[in-house]
Amino acid sequence: QAQLVESGGGLVQPGGSLKLSCVVSGFTLDPTAIGWFRQTPGKEREGVSCISTSDGSTYYADSVKGRFTFSRDNAKNTVYLQMNSLNPEDTAVYYCAADLWYSGCHSWEYEYWGQGTRVTVSS
């Protein structure tokens, strides 16, 4: 069964860093779209960073450009989100998601989702 499992969240002070991981498994056909999303209570889930695995092109939300980096380790079927210079506005539950075909970085474009990992940025 298709499965995505996130890890790496936690509590960090403003200005700190975290690296999230997502292990992707169980797909009969390899997904070509993998993304990181985040959600806070009462707010819509937003795309943080998404990649088209067919050509490696990567999207970053304006709010995280220059601070977050999406990377992949194909041998381990794992994707990562390196988050630097974190601020309280980055506090959210972070999800990784996948779909067979890449079309963008909106939540409705992704069918398969992980359970989420919580990131709290606070002093």
C-alpha atoms as a PDB file:
ATOM      1  CA  GLN A   1       0.000   0.000   0.000  1.00  0.00           C
ATOM      2  CA  ALA A   2       1.233   3.466  -0.829  1.00  0.00           C
ATOM      3  CA  GLN A   3       2.665   5.104   2.250  1.00  0.00           C
ATOM      4  CA  LEU A   4       4.498   8.268   3.216  1.00  0.00           C
ATOM      5  CA  VAL A   5       5.995   8.662   6.682  1.00  0.00           C
ATOM      6  CA  GLU A   6       7.354  11.998   7.907  1.00  0.00           C
ATOM      7  CA  SER A   7       9.761  12.535  10.760  1.00  0.00           C
ATOM      8  CA  GLY A   8      12.079  15.176  12.141  1.00  0.00           C
ATOM      9  CA  GLY A   9       9.705  17.723  13.606  1.00  0.00           C
ATOM     10  CA  GLY A  10      10.132  19.246  17.013  1.00  0.00           C
ATOM     11  CA  LEU A  11      10.621  22.412  19.015  1.00  0.00           C
ATOM     12  CA  VAL A  12      13.195  24.911  17.820  1.00  0.00           C
ATOM     13  CA  GLN A  13      14.036  28.500  18.711  1.00  0.00           C
ATOM     14  CA  PRO A  14      13.644  31.323  16.210  1.00  0.00           C
ATOM     15  CA  GLY A  15      16.608  31.375  13.868  1.00  0.00           C
ATOM     16  CA  GLY A  16      17.206  27.665  14.295  1.00  0.00           C
ATOM     17  CA  SER A  17      17.091  24.804  11.826  1.00  0.00           C
ATOM     18  CA  LEU A  18      15.339  21.479  11.363  1.00  0.00           C
ATOM     19  CA  LYS A  19      15.513  18.797   8.700  1.00  0.00           C
ATOM     20  CA  LEU A  20      12.360  16.849   7.952  1.00  0.00           C
ATOM     21  CA  SER A  21      12.379  13.432   6.293  1.00  0.00           C
ATOM     22  CA  CYS A  22       9.727  11.541   4.365  1.00  0.00           C
ATOM     23  CA  VAL A  23      10.057   7.886   3.384  1.00  0.00           C
ATOM     24  CA  VAL A  24       8.019   6.977   0.323  1.00  0.00           C
ATOM     25  CA  SER A  25       7.014   3.359  -0.272  1.00  0.00           C
ATOM     26  CA  GLY A  26       4.403   1.033  -1.701  1.00  0.00           C
ATOM     27  CA  PHE A  27       3.694   2.768  -4.995  1.00  0.00           C
ATOM     28  CA  THR A  28       3.061   0.475  -7.935  1.00  0.00           C
ATOM     29  CA  LEU A  29       3.984   3.354 -10.238  1.00  0.00           C
ATOM     30  CA  ASP A  30       6.559   5.874  -9.116  1.00  0.00           C
ATOM     31  CA  PRO A  31       5.027   9.216  -8.238  1.00  0.00           C
ATOM     32  CA  THR A  32       6.350  12.114 -10.268  1.00  0.00           C
ATOM     33  CA  ALA A  33       5.061  14.758  -7.857  1.00  0.00           C
ATOM     34  CA  ILE A  34       6.254  14.971  -4.253  1.00  0.00           C
ATOM     35  CA  GLY A  35       5.555  17.929  -2.036  1.00  0.00           C
ATOM     36  CA  TRP A  36       5.866  19.387   1.427  1.00  0.00           C
ATOM     37  CA  PHE A  37       2.815  21.147   2.854  1.00  0.00           C
ATOM     38  CA  ARG A  38       2.000  22.759   6.164  1.00  0.00           C
ATOM     39  CA  GLN A  39      -1.143  23.572   8.092  1.00  0.00           C
ATOM     40  CA  THR A  40      -2.016  25.529  11.215  1.00  0.00           C
ATOM     41  CA  PRO A  41      -5.380  25.373  13.032  1.00  0.00           C
ATOM     42  CA  GLY A  42      -8.103  27.213  11.186  1.00  0.00           C
ATOM     43  CA  LYS A  43      -5.951  27.861   8.137  1.00  0.00           C
ATOM     44  CA  GLU A  44      -5.815  26.270   4.737  1.00  0.00           C
ATOM     45  CA  ARG A  45      -3.100  23.771   3.981  1.00  0.00           C
ATOM     46  CA  GLU A  46      -0.414  25.462   1.907  1.00  0.00           C
ATOM     47  CA  GLY A  47       2.257  24.177  -0.391  1.00  0.00           C
ATOM     48  CA  VAL A  48       5.748  24.816   0.934  1.00  0.00           C
ATOM     49  CA  SER A  49       7.912  23.085  -1.650  1.00  0.00           C
ATOM     50  CA  CYS A  50       7.125  20.609  -4.408  1.00  0.00           C
ATOM     51  CA  ILE A  51       9.231  18.765  -6.939  1.00  0.00           C
ATOM     52  CA  SER A  52       8.630  17.226 -10.324  1.00  0.00           C
ATOM     53  CA  THR A  53      10.768  14.102 -10.164  1.00  0.00           C
ATOM     54  CA  SER A  54      10.753  13.703 -13.937  1.00  0.00           C
ATOM     55  CA  ASP A  55      12.959  16.746 -14.480  1.00  0.00           C
ATOM     56  CA  GLY A  56      13.920  17.826 -10.962  1.00  0.00           C
ATOM     57  CA  SER A  57      12.256  21.217 -11.156  1.00  0.00           C
ATOM     58  CA  THR A  58      11.376  22.516  -7.711  1.00  0.00           C
ATOM     59  CA  TYR A  59       8.854  25.044  -6.481  1.00  0.00           C
ATOM     60  CA  TYR A  60       9.197  27.037  -3.277  1.00  0.00           C
ATOM     61  CA  ALA A  61       6.599  29.241  -1.688  1.00  0.00           C
ATOM     62  CA  ASP A  62       7.689  32.869  -1.544  1.00  0.00           C
ATOM     63  CA  SER A  63       7.628  32.756   2.239  1.00  0.00           C
ATOM     64  CA  VAL A  64      10.351  30.085   2.380  1.00  0.00           C
ATOM     65  CA  LYS A  65      12.566  30.908  -0.602  1.00  0.00           C
ATOM     66  CA  GLY A  66      16.170  31.162   0.442  1.00  0.00           C
ATOM     67  CA  ARG A  67      15.501  29.422   3.758  1.00  0.00           C
ATOM     68  CA  PHE A  68      14.143  25.960   2.873  1.00  0.00           C
ATOM     69  CA  THR A  69      15.667  23.362   0.555  1.00  0.00           C
ATOM     70  CA  PHE A  70      13.978  20.281  -0.912  1.00  0.00           C
ATOM     71  CA  SER A  71      16.306  17.341  -1.583  1.00  0.00           C
ATOM     72  CA  ARG A  72      16.058  13.664  -2.442  1.00  0.00           C
ATOM     73  CA  ASP A  73      17.947  10.452  -1.767  1.00  0.00           C
ATOM     74  CA  ASN A  74      16.665   8.094  -4.422  1.00  0.00           C
ATOM     75  CA  ALA A  75      18.554   5.092  -3.041  1.00  0.00           C
ATOM     76  CA  LYS A  76      16.686   5.457   0.255  1.00  0.00           C
ATOM     77  CA  ASN A  77      13.341   6.466  -1.273  1.00  0.00           C
ATOM     78  CA  THR A  78      13.457   9.470   1.001  1.00  0.00           C
ATOM     79  CA  VAL A  79      12.893  13.170   0.510  1.00  0.00           C
ATOM     80  CA  TYR A  80      13.983  15.926   2.860  1.00  0.00           C
ATOM     81  CA  LEU A  81      13.084  19.468   3.733  1.00  0.00           C
ATOM     82  CA  GLN A  82      15.969  21.413   5.216  1.00  0.00           C
ATOM     83  CA  MET A  83      14.543  24.384   7.091  1.00  0.00           C
ATOM     84  CA  ASN A  84      16.857  27.201   8.138  1.00  0.00           C
ATOM     85  CA  SER A  85      16.301  30.587   9.748  1.00  0.00           C
ATOM     86  CA  LEU A  86      13.009  29.433  11.197  1.00  0.00           C
ATOM     87  CA  ASN A  87      10.573  31.967  12.579  1.00  0.00           C
ATOM     88  CA  PRO A  88       7.343  31.580  14.584  1.00  0.00           C
ATOM     89  CA  GLU A  89       5.283  31.892  11.408  1.00  0.00           C
ATOM     90  CA  ASP A  90       6.759  28.560  10.303  1.00  0.00           C
ATOM     91  CA  THR A  91       5.007  26.782  13.181  1.00  0.00           C
ATOM     92  CA  ALA A  92       2.688  24.162  11.688  1.00  0.00           C
ATOM     93  CA  VAL A  93       2.102  20.497  11.111  1.00  0.00           C
ATOM     94  CA  TYR A  94       4.172  19.587   8.074  1.00  0.00           C
ATOM     95  CA  TYR A  95       3.027  16.900   5.665  1.00  0.00           C
ATOM     96  CA  CYS A  96       4.636  15.232   2.715  1.00  0.00           C
ATOM     97  CA  ALA A  97       2.440  14.218  -0.172  1.00  0.00           C
ATOM     98  CA  ALA A  98       2.705  12.493  -3.531  1.00  0.00           C
ATOM     99  CA  ASP A  99       0.833  12.059  -6.750  1.00  0.00           C
ATOM    100  CA  LEU A 100       1.463  10.138  -9.929  1.00  0.00           C
ATOM    101  CA  TRP A 101       1.640  13.264 -12.077  1.00  0.00           C
ATOM    102  CA  TYR A 102       3.033  16.665 -11.317  1.00  0.00           C
ATOM    103  CA  SER A 103       0.757  19.624 -11.927  1.00  0.00           C
ATOM    104  CA  GLY A 104       1.702  22.083  -9.197  1.00  0.00           C
ATOM    105  CA  CYS A 105       1.990  22.648  -5.467  1.00  0.00           C
ATOM    106  CA  HIS A 106      -1.584  22.927  -4.254  1.00  0.00           C
ATOM    107  CA  SER A 107      -2.968  20.437  -1.748  1.00  0.00           C
ATOM    108  CA  TRP A 108      -5.781  19.396  -4.061  1.00  0.00           C
ATOM    109  CA  GLU A 109      -3.240  18.221  -6.624  1.00  0.00           C
ATOM    110  CA  TYR A 110      -1.975  15.444  -4.320  1.00  0.00           C
ATOM    111  CA  GLU A 111      -3.737  12.197  -3.521  1.00  0.00           C
ATOM    112  CA  TYR A 112      -1.376  10.448  -1.083  1.00  0.00           C
ATOM    113  CA  TRP A 113      -0.440  11.960   2.262  1.00  0.00           C
ATOM    114  CA  GLY A 114       1.688  11.235   5.271  1.00  0.00           C
ATOM    115  CA  GLN A 115       0.556  11.560   8.859  1.00  0.00           C
ATOM    116  CA  GLY A 116       2.329  14.844   9.497  1.00  0.00           C
ATOM    117  CA  THR A 117       5.078  15.974  11.827  1.00  0.00           C
ATOM    118  CA  ARG A 118       4.721  18.979  14.094  1.00  0.00           C
ATOM    119  CA  VAL A 119       7.152  21.890  13.965  1.00  0.00           C
ATOM    120  CA  THR A 120       7.015  24.515  16.692  1.00  0.00           C
ATOM    121  CA  VAL A 121       9.203  27.615  16.506  1.00  0.00           C
ATOM    122  CA  SER A 122       9.204  29.446  19.809  1.00  0.00           C
ATOM    123  CA  SER A 123      11.553  31.033  22.297  1.00  0.00           C
END
